[in-house]
C-alpha atoms as a PDB file:
ATOM      1  CA  MET A   1      50.532 -34.151  31.435  1.00  0.00           C
ATOM      2  CA  GLU A   2      52.075 -32.163  28.523  1.00  0.00           C
ATOM      3  CA  SER A   3      51.142 -34.788  26.134  1.00  0.00           C
ATOM      4  CA  GLN A   4      47.327 -34.640  27.342  1.00  0.00           C
ATOM      5  CA  LYS A   5      47.387 -30.890  26.963  1.00  0.00           C
ATOM      6  CA  ALA A   6      48.704 -31.182  23.587  1.00  0.00           C
ATOM      7  CA  GLN A   7      46.017 -33.545  22.786  1.00  0.00           C
ATOM      8  CA  SER A   8      43.489 -31.322  24.187  1.00  0.00           C
ATOM      9  CA  VAL A   9      44.548 -28.319  22.202  1.00  0.00           C
ATOM     10  CA  ASN A  10      44.649 -30.448  18.978  1.00  0.00           C
ATOM     11  CA  ARG A  11      40.854 -31.538  19.458  1.00  0.00           C
ATOM     12  CA  ALA A  12      39.929 -28.091  20.160  1.00  0.00           C
ATOM     13  CA  ILE A  13      41.561 -26.862  16.951  1.00  0.00           C
ATOM     14  CA  LYS A  14      39.987 -29.385  14.912  1.00  0.00           C
ATOM     15  CA  SER A  15      36.663 -28.571  16.488  1.00  0.00           C
ATOM     16  CA  LYS A  16      37.043 -24.919  15.466  1.00  0.00           C
ATOM     17  CA  ARG A  17      38.022 -26.150  12.069  1.00  0.00           C
ATOM     18  CA  ILE A  18      34.969 -28.283  11.529  1.00  0.00           C
ATOM     19  CA  LEU A  19      32.713 -25.470  12.704  1.00  0.00           C
ATOM     20  CA  SER A  20      34.258 -23.010  10.223  1.00  0.00           C
ATOM     21  CA  VAL A  21      33.781 -25.518   7.232  1.00  0.00           C
ATOM     22  CA  ILE A  22      29.920 -25.819   8.516  1.00  0.00           C
ATOM     23  CA  ALA A  23      29.446 -22.182   8.701  1.00  0.00           C
ATOM     24  CA  LEU A  24      31.061 -21.484   5.119  1.00  0.00           C
ATOM     25  CA  LEU A  25      28.937 -24.090   3.429  1.00  0.00           C
ATOM     26  CA  GLY A  26      25.815 -22.942   5.142  1.00  0.00           C
ATOM     27  CA  LEU A  27      24.988 -26.472   6.577  1.00  0.00           C
ATOM     28  CA  VAL A  28      22.587 -26.974   9.442  1.00  0.00           C
ATOM     29  CA  VAL A  29      23.762 -29.746  11.817  1.00  0.00           C
ATOM     30  CA  PRO A  30      21.809 -30.806  14.835  1.00  0.00           C
ATOM     31  CA  GLY A  31      22.710 -29.022  18.020  1.00  0.00           C
ATOM     32  CA  ILE A  32      24.504 -26.188  16.084  1.00  0.00           C
ATOM     33  CA  SER A  33      22.423 -22.994  15.471  1.00  0.00           C
ATOM     34  CA  ALA A  34      23.342 -20.587  12.547  1.00  0.00           C
ATOM     35  CA  THR A  35      23.506 -16.865  13.706  1.00  0.00           C
ATOM     36  CA  SER A  36      21.829 -14.180  12.054  1.00  0.00           C
ATOM     37  CA  SER A  37      24.986 -12.807  10.444  1.00  0.00           C
ATOM     38  CA  GLN A  38      25.771 -16.441   9.225  1.00  0.00           C
ATOM     39  CA  ALA A  39      22.323 -16.535   7.670  1.00  0.00           C
ATOM     40  CA  SER A  40      22.759 -12.973   5.761  1.00  0.00           C
ATOM     41  CA  THR A  41      26.326 -13.970   4.292  1.00  0.00           C
ATOM     42  CA  PHE A  42      25.094 -17.452   3.120  1.00  0.00           C
ATOM     43  CA  GLN A  43      26.248 -18.081  -0.494  1.00  0.00           C
ATOM     44  CA  PRO A  44      24.778 -21.384  -1.869  1.00  0.00           C
ATOM     45  CA  LEU A  45      27.158 -22.832  -4.293  1.00  0.00           C
ATOM     46  CA  ILE A  46      25.335 -22.717  -7.337  1.00  0.00           C
ATOM     47  CA  ASP A  47      27.572 -22.603 -10.363  1.00  0.00           C
ATOM     48  CA  LEU A  48      25.869 -21.930 -13.710  1.00  0.00           C
ATOM     49  CA  GLY A  49      29.220 -22.800 -15.474  1.00  0.00           C
ATOM     50  CA  THR A  50      28.789 -21.727 -19.320  1.00  0.00           C
ATOM     51  CA  SER A  51      24.946 -21.139 -19.220  1.00  0.00           C
ATOM     52  CA  ALA A  52      26.081 -17.849 -17.281  1.00  0.00           C
ATOM     53  CA  ASN A  53      27.079 -16.566 -20.913  1.00  0.00           C
ATOM     54  CA  TYR A  54      23.517 -16.374 -21.784  1.00  0.00           C
ATOM     55  CA  ILE A  55      20.958 -14.304 -20.957  1.00  0.00           C
ATOM     56  CA  LEU A  56      18.355 -16.484 -22.678  1.00  0.00           C
ATOM     57  CA  LEU A  57      19.069 -20.066 -23.382  1.00  0.00           C
ATOM     58  CA  ALA A  58      16.571 -22.707 -24.275  1.00  0.00           C
ATOM     59  CA  HIS A  59      16.565 -26.505 -25.224  1.00  0.00           C
ATOM     60  CA  THR A  60      13.987 -27.014 -27.721  1.00  0.00           C
ATOM     61  CA  ALA A  61      12.614 -23.781 -29.170  1.00  0.00           C
ATOM     62  CA  ILE A  62      12.365 -19.960 -28.704  1.00  0.00           C
ATOM     63  CA  THR A  63       9.192 -18.467 -29.797  1.00  0.00           C
ATOM     64  CA  ASN A  64       8.657 -14.546 -29.947  1.00  0.00           C
ATOM     65  CA  GLY A  65       5.376 -12.804 -30.036  1.00  0.00           C
ATOM     66  CA  ALA A  66       6.771  -9.288 -31.138  1.00  0.00           C
ATOM     67  CA  THR A  67       9.673  -7.330 -30.798  1.00  0.00           C
ATOM     68  CA  THR A  68      11.688  -8.368 -27.646  1.00  0.00           C
ATOM     69  CA  ILE A  69      14.918  -6.393 -26.377  1.00  0.00           C
ATOM     70  CA  ILE A  70      17.496  -8.718 -24.908  1.00  0.00           C
ATOM     71  CA  SER A  71      20.604  -6.553 -23.860  1.00  0.00           C
ATOM     72  CA  GLY A  72      23.866  -7.637 -21.931  1.00  0.00           C
ATOM     73  CA  THR A  73      27.574  -7.152 -21.438  1.00  0.00           C
ATOM     74  CA  GLY A  74      28.581 -10.648 -22.935  1.00  0.00           C
ATOM     75  CA  THR A  75      29.104 -11.439 -26.293  1.00  0.00           C
ATOM     76  CA  LYS A  76      26.824 -14.505 -26.217  1.00  0.00           C
ATOM     77  CA  VAL A  77      23.161 -13.168 -25.565  1.00  0.00           C
ATOM     78  CA  VAL A  78      20.610 -16.060 -26.785  1.00  0.00           C
ATOM     79  CA  GLY A  79      21.510 -19.735 -27.285  1.00  0.00           C
ATOM     80  CA  ILE A  80      19.425 -22.596 -28.259  1.00  0.00           C
ATOM     81  CA  SER A  81      20.616 -26.427 -28.350  1.00  0.00           C
ATOM     82  CA  PRO A  82      19.486 -29.024 -29.723  1.00  0.00           C
ATOM     83  CA  GLY A  83      16.444 -27.300 -30.977  1.00  0.00           C
ATOM     84  CA  VAL A  84      15.714 -24.675 -33.632  1.00  0.00           C
ATOM     85  CA  SER A  85      14.193 -21.321 -33.376  1.00  0.00           C
ATOM     86  CA  ASP A  86      10.731 -20.278 -34.510  1.00  0.00           C
ATOM     87  CA  VAL A  87      12.245 -18.586 -37.623  1.00  0.00           C
ATOM     88  CA  GLY A  88       9.210 -16.818 -38.489  1.00  0.00           C
ATOM     89  CA  THR A  89       9.225 -14.745 -35.000  1.00  0.00           C
ATOM     90  CA  VAL A  90      12.539 -15.058 -33.401  1.00  0.00           C
ATOM     91  CA  SER A  91      13.911 -12.522 -36.030  1.00  0.00           C
ATOM     92  CA  SER A  92      11.988  -9.720 -34.101  1.00  0.00           C
ATOM     93  CA  ILE A  93      14.554 -10.290 -31.070  1.00  0.00           C
ATOM     94  CA  ILE A  94      16.805  -7.173 -30.662  1.00  0.00           C
ATOM     95  CA  ALA A  95      20.069  -8.475 -29.357  1.00  0.00           C
ATOM     96  CA  SER A  96      23.049  -6.770 -28.063  1.00  0.00           C
ATOM     97  CA  GLY A  97      25.187  -9.929 -28.631  1.00  0.00           C
ATOM     98  CA  ALA A  98      25.510 -13.052 -30.471  1.00  0.00           C
ATOM     99  CA  THR A  99      22.417 -15.230 -31.274  1.00  0.00           C
ATOM    100  CA  GLU A 100      23.656 -19.015 -31.352  1.00  0.00           C
ATOM    101  CA  PHE A 101      21.381 -21.721 -32.636  1.00  0.00           C
ATOM    102  CA  GLN A 102      23.350 -24.904 -32.646  1.00  0.00           C
ATOM    103  CA  ASN A 103      21.999 -28.377 -33.185  1.00  0.00           C
ATOM    104  CA  GLY A 104      23.541 -30.570 -30.664  1.00  0.00           C
ATOM    105  CA  THR A 105      27.180 -29.310 -30.512  1.00  0.00           C
ATOM    106  CA  GLY A 106      28.911 -26.202 -29.583  1.00  0.00           C
ATOM    107  CA  GLU A 107      28.838 -24.077 -26.382  1.00  0.00           C
ATOM    108  CA  PRO A 108      24.811 -23.744 -26.401  1.00  0.00           C
ATOM    109  CA  THR A 109      24.828 -27.591 -25.829  1.00  0.00           C
ATOM    110  CA  LEU A 110      27.756 -27.443 -23.123  1.00  0.00           C
ATOM    111  CA  ALA A 111      25.623 -24.652 -21.570  1.00  0.00           C
ATOM    112  CA  GLN A 112      22.449 -27.049 -21.346  1.00  0.00           C
ATOM    113  CA  THR A 113      24.668 -29.711 -19.497  1.00  0.00           C
ATOM    114  CA  ASP A 114      26.132 -26.876 -17.113  1.00  0.00           C
ATOM    115  CA  LEU A 115      22.278 -25.843 -16.446  1.00  0.00           C
ATOM    116  CA  GLN A 116      21.236 -29.266 -15.500  1.00  0.00           C
ATOM    117  CA  ASN A 117      24.141 -29.782 -13.065  1.00  0.00           C
ATOM    118  CA  ALA A 118      23.400 -26.341 -11.493  1.00  0.00           C
ATOM    119  CA  ILE A 119      19.640 -27.436 -10.989  1.00  0.00           C
ATOM    120  CA  ALA A 120      20.735 -30.780  -9.539  1.00  0.00           C
ATOM    121  CA  SER A 121      23.346 -28.880  -7.066  1.00  0.00           C
ATOM    122  CA  VAL A 122      20.219 -27.256  -5.456  1.00  0.00           C
ATOM    123  CA  SER A 123      19.158 -30.378  -4.175  1.00  0.00           C
ATOM    124  CA  LEU A 124      22.031 -30.234  -1.599  1.00  0.00           C
ATOM    125  CA  LEU A 125      20.871 -27.088   0.015  1.00  0.00           C
ATOM    126  CA  THR A 126      19.080 -27.073   3.267  1.00  0.00           C
ATOM    127  CA  PRO A 127      15.789 -24.808   3.286  1.00  0.00           C
ATOM    128  CA  THR A 128      15.704 -22.091   5.661  1.00  0.00           C
ATOM    129  CA  VAL A 129      12.004 -21.293   5.027  1.00  0.00           C
ATOM    130  CA  VAL A 130       9.154 -23.286   3.930  1.00  0.00           C
ATOM    131  CA  SER A 131       6.142 -21.254   2.749  1.00  0.00           C
ATOM    132  CA  ALA A 132       3.019 -22.030   0.707  1.00  0.00           C
ATOM    133  CA  ASN A 133       2.984 -18.592  -0.717  1.00  0.00           C
ATOM    134  CA  LEU A 134       5.775 -15.912  -0.948  1.00  0.00           C
ATOM    135  CA  SER A 135       3.394 -12.986  -1.040  1.00  0.00           C
ATOM    136  CA  LEU A 136       1.305 -13.041   2.220  1.00  0.00           C
ATOM    137  CA  ALA A 137       1.030  -9.396   2.093  1.00  0.00           C
ATOM    138  CA  ASP A 138       1.554  -6.632  -0.620  1.00  0.00           C
ATOM    139  CA  ASN A 139       5.163  -5.432  -0.431  1.00  0.00           C
ATOM    140  CA  ALA A 140       6.437  -8.316   1.967  1.00  0.00           C
ATOM    141  CA  THR A 141       9.931  -8.110   2.886  1.00  0.00           C
ATOM    142  CA  ILE A 142      12.100 -11.424   2.097  1.00  0.00           C
ATOM    143  CA  TYR A 143      15.513 -11.651   3.583  1.00  0.00           C
ATOM    144  CA  PRO A 144      18.377 -13.750   2.516  1.00  0.00           C
ATOM    145  CA  GLY A 145      18.084 -17.660   2.607  1.00  0.00           C
ATOM    146  CA  VAL A 146      16.857 -20.582   0.721  1.00  0.00           C
ATOM    147  CA  TYR A 147      12.719 -20.900   0.280  1.00  0.00           C
ATOM    148  CA  THR A 148      10.635 -23.591  -0.627  1.00  0.00           C
ATOM    149  CA  THR A 149       7.065 -24.943  -0.796  1.00  0.00           C
ATOM    150  CA  PRO A 150       5.678 -27.741   1.320  1.00  0.00           C
ATOM    151  CA  GLY A 151       4.745 -31.138  -0.182  1.00  0.00           C
ATOM    152  CA  GLY A 152       6.025 -30.436  -3.666  1.00  0.00           C
ATOM    153  CA  ALA A 153       3.360 -27.488  -4.258  1.00  0.00           C
ATOM    154  CA  ALA A 154       3.682 -24.745  -6.783  1.00  0.00           C
ATOM    155  CA  MET A 155       5.232 -21.687  -5.895  1.00  0.00           C
ATOM    156  CA  SER A 156       3.502 -18.300  -6.430  1.00  0.00           C
ATOM    157  CA  VAL A 157       4.208 -14.381  -6.296  1.00  0.00           C
ATOM    158  CA  ASP A 158       0.650 -12.889  -6.358  1.00  0.00           C
ATOM    159  CA  GLN A 159       1.701  -9.244  -5.014  1.00  0.00           C
ATOM    160  CA  ASN A 160       4.873  -7.050  -4.702  1.00  0.00           C
ATOM    161  CA  LEU A 161       7.763  -8.360  -2.893  1.00  0.00           C
ATOM    162  CA  ILE A 162      10.833  -6.615  -1.425  1.00  0.00           C
ATOM    163  CA  LEU A 163      14.228  -8.534  -1.289  1.00  0.00           C
ATOM    164  CA  ASP A 164      16.160  -6.927   1.322  1.00  0.00           C
ATOM    165  CA  ALA A 165      19.783  -7.837   1.622  1.00  0.00           C
ATOM    166  CA  ARG A 166      20.359  -5.971   4.960  1.00  0.00           C
ATOM    167  CA  GLY A 167      23.286  -4.112   3.540  1.00  0.00           C
ATOM    168  CA  ASP A 168      25.129  -7.236   2.488  1.00  0.00           C
ATOM    169  CA  ALA A 169      26.469  -7.184  -0.997  1.00  0.00           C
ATOM    170  CA  ASN A 170      27.183 -10.926  -1.132  1.00  0.00           C
ATOM    171  CA  ALA A 171      23.649 -11.962   0.241  1.00  0.00           C
ATOM    172  CA  THR A 172      21.948 -14.700  -1.552  1.00  0.00           C
ATOM    173  CA  PHE A 173      18.267 -15.573  -2.225  1.00  0.00           C
ATOM    174  CA  VAL A 174      17.466 -19.032  -3.717  1.00  0.00           C
ATOM    175  CA  PHE A 175      13.754 -19.745  -4.234  1.00  0.00           C
ATOM    176  CA  VAL A 176      13.185 -23.241  -4.986  1.00  0.00           C
ATOM    177  CA  ALA A 177       9.926 -24.173  -6.618  1.00  0.00           C
ATOM    178  CA  PRO A 178       9.392 -28.037  -6.761  1.00  0.00           C
ATOM    179  CA  THR A 179       7.013 -27.785  -9.610  1.00  0.00           C
ATOM    180  CA  ALA A 180       5.494 -24.639 -11.304  1.00  0.00           C
ATOM    181  CA  PHE A 181       6.201 -21.049 -10.634  1.00  0.00           C
ATOM    182  CA  ASN A 182       3.855 -18.353 -11.547  1.00  0.00           C
ATOM    183  CA  THR A 183       3.649 -14.565 -10.917  1.00  0.00           C
ATOM    184  CA  SER A 184       0.419 -12.561 -11.187  1.00  0.00           C
ATOM    185  CA  ALA A 185       0.118  -9.644 -13.716  1.00  0.00           C
ATOM    186  CA  ALA A 186       1.803  -6.332 -12.854  1.00  0.00           C
ATOM    187  CA  ILE A 187       3.691  -7.567  -9.968  1.00  0.00           C
ATOM    188  CA  THR A 188       7.153  -6.240  -9.189  1.00  0.00           C
ATOM    189  CA  VAL A 189       9.823  -7.625  -7.111  1.00  0.00           C
ATOM    190  CA  PHE A 190      12.111  -4.832  -5.585  1.00  0.00           C
ATOM    191  CA  LEU A 191      15.642  -5.027  -4.546  1.00  0.00           C
ATOM    192  CA  GLN A 192      16.679  -3.080  -1.441  1.00  0.00           C
ATOM    193  CA  ASN A 193      19.486  -2.645   0.826  1.00  0.00           C
ATOM    194  CA  GLY A 194      22.232  -4.170  -1.546  1.00  0.00           C
ATOM    195  CA  ALA A 195      20.306  -7.015  -3.060  1.00  0.00           C
ATOM    196  CA  LYS A 196      21.780  -7.856  -6.586  1.00  0.00           C
ATOM    197  CA  ALA A 197      20.014  -9.646  -9.353  1.00  0.00           C
ATOM    198  CA  SER A 198      23.129 -12.066  -9.745  1.00  0.00           C
ATOM    199  CA  ASN A 199      22.773 -13.324  -6.374  1.00  0.00           C
ATOM    200  CA  ILE A 200      19.042 -14.212  -6.767  1.00  0.00           C
ATOM    201  CA  TYR A 201      18.099 -17.877  -7.849  1.00  0.00           C
ATOM    202  CA  TRP A 202      14.792 -19.023  -9.196  1.00  0.00           C
ATOM    203  CA  VAL A 203      14.869 -22.797  -9.214  1.00  0.00           C
ATOM    204  CA  VAL A 204      11.755 -24.316 -11.041  1.00  0.00           C
ATOM    205  CA  GLY A 205      10.880 -28.066 -11.110  1.00  0.00           C
ATOM    206  CA  ALA A 206       8.187 -27.911 -13.953  1.00  0.00           C
ATOM    207  CA  GLY A 207       6.880 -24.736 -15.985  1.00  0.00           C
ATOM    208  CA  MET A 208       7.125 -21.129 -15.292  1.00  0.00           C
ATOM    209  CA  THR A 209       4.838 -18.503 -16.447  1.00  0.00           C
ATOM    210  CA  LEU A 210       5.444 -14.670 -15.696  1.00  0.00           C
ATOM    211  CA  GLY A 211       2.206 -12.561 -15.848  1.00  0.00           C
ATOM    212  CA  ALA A 212       2.040  -9.617 -18.279  1.00  0.00           C
ATOM    213  CA  SER A 213       3.891  -6.436 -17.088  1.00  0.00           C
ATOM    214  CA  THR A 214       6.049  -8.558 -14.227  1.00  0.00           C
ATOM    215  CA  ASN A 215       8.958  -6.765 -13.083  1.00  0.00           C
ATOM    216  CA  ILE A 216      11.417  -9.313 -11.512  1.00  0.00           C
ATOM    217  CA  SER A 217      15.266  -9.934 -11.103  1.00  0.00           C
ATOM    218  CA  GLY A 218      17.486 -12.944 -10.695  1.00  0.00           C
ATOM    219  CA  ASN A 219      18.679 -16.124 -12.506  1.00  0.00           C
ATOM    220  CA  PHE A 220      15.571 -18.315 -13.642  1.00  0.00           C
ATOM    221  CA  LEU A 221      16.715 -22.015 -13.774  1.00  0.00           C
ATOM    222  CA  VAL A 222      13.575 -23.713 -15.302  1.00  0.00           C
ATOM    223  CA  THR A 223      13.454 -27.606 -16.188  1.00  0.00           C
ATOM    224  CA  ALA A 224       9.947 -27.153 -18.274  1.00  0.00           C
ATOM    225  CA  GLY A 225       8.258 -24.531 -20.745  1.00  0.00           C
ATOM    226  CA  THR A 226       8.691 -20.912 -19.920  1.00  0.00           C
ATOM    227  CA  THR A 227       6.398 -18.287 -20.765  1.00  0.00           C
ATOM    228  CA  VAL A 228       7.102 -14.242 -20.256  1.00  0.00           C
ATOM    229  CA  GLY A 229       4.195 -12.308 -20.381  1.00  0.00           C
ATOM    230  CA  ALA A 230       3.717  -9.426 -22.611  1.00  0.00           C
ATOM    231  CA  SER A 231       5.495  -6.051 -21.492  1.00  0.00           C
ATOM    232  CA  SER A 232       7.452  -8.103 -18.654  1.00  0.00           C
ATOM    233  CA  THR A 233      11.074  -7.025 -17.574  1.00  0.00           C
ATOM    234  CA  VAL A 234      13.482  -9.701 -16.421  1.00  0.00           C
ATOM    235  CA  ASN A 235      16.486  -8.136 -15.003  1.00  0.00           C
ATOM    236  CA  GLY A 236      19.046 -11.340 -15.025  1.00  0.00           C
ATOM    237  CA  ARG A 237      19.041 -14.792 -16.697  1.00  0.00           C
ATOM    238  CA  ILE A 238      16.119 -17.081 -18.441  1.00  0.00           C
ATOM    239  CA  LEU A 239      17.758 -20.592 -18.556  1.00  0.00           C
ATOM    240  CA  SER A 240      15.387 -23.251 -19.692  1.00  0.00           C
ATOM    241  CA  GLN A 241      15.770 -26.738 -20.527  1.00  0.00           C
ATOM    242  CA  ASP A 242      12.684 -26.803 -22.485  1.00  0.00           C
ATOM    243  CA  SER A 243      10.974 -24.023 -24.670  1.00  0.00           C
ATOM    244  CA  VAL A 244      10.774 -20.300 -24.071  1.00  0.00           C
ATOM    245  CA  THR A 245       8.086 -18.195 -25.282  1.00  0.00           C
ATOM    246  CA  LEU A 246       8.335 -14.325 -25.232  1.00  0.00           C
ATOM    247  CA  GLY A 247       5.737 -11.956 -25.075  1.00  0.00           C
ATOM    248  CA  ALA A 248       5.253  -8.659 -27.058  1.00  0.00           C
ATOM    249  CA  SER A 249       7.538  -5.850 -26.016  1.00  0.00           C
ATOM    250  CA  ALA A 250       9.200  -8.056 -23.166  1.00  0.00           C
ATOM    251  CA  VAL A 251      12.469  -7.060 -21.884  1.00  0.00           C
ATOM    252  CA  LEU A 252      15.515  -9.153 -20.797  1.00  0.00           C
ATOM    253  CA  ILE A 253      18.835  -7.357 -19.511  1.00  0.00           C
ATOM    254  CA  SER A 254      21.829  -8.393 -17.492  1.00  0.00           C
END
């Protein structure tokens, strides 16, 4: 009898441990439902590695239409590898840290490898919301979770959005665009109730275009060409596996 009780207790302990691991990883398992509090504290394992040292990282080229301000707390602000910058225009970037242009060696190259790994890791996440368009109404409120579009459709933000962390400073937002990602001109993505730019990820499977005067926050992980519209402000990082074109008077800050 005692042996049966001990086995029963051991099985219960193992079951609790398994459920704890599932909750920690944010996994969705048939027959197990995540509570709203679990969803609000969900932290996807997106490790940016050395790419997190940069506010602007490109693979083939950086082109700057006019003076762009890039400011951050790190010492490595702009990086490109293995391509070269557009020498005629990139000089009008005002950066608070080092600008590194390296051909196939050094930290920008390692950062590109880490960026590729970070993008690949997103495929392991389970979407919590699948929607054709994030901005169904002006000032629509988005809560923590993993968002994507159906059938590999492009993702767009056509009106203002509010990202609401519900008071959870660790709340994470992940937006996965299987193909292109675009914003309309003059839209703003507001952060509310503890939402942080560092906990927001926009993962783009093709090219990205931010319309003129866009005001948006987060880490942008982009696999193809990236265009930042004139007078736009990005609070976070733009990490691209291709080229980056910056419009006049753009501001990148982290």
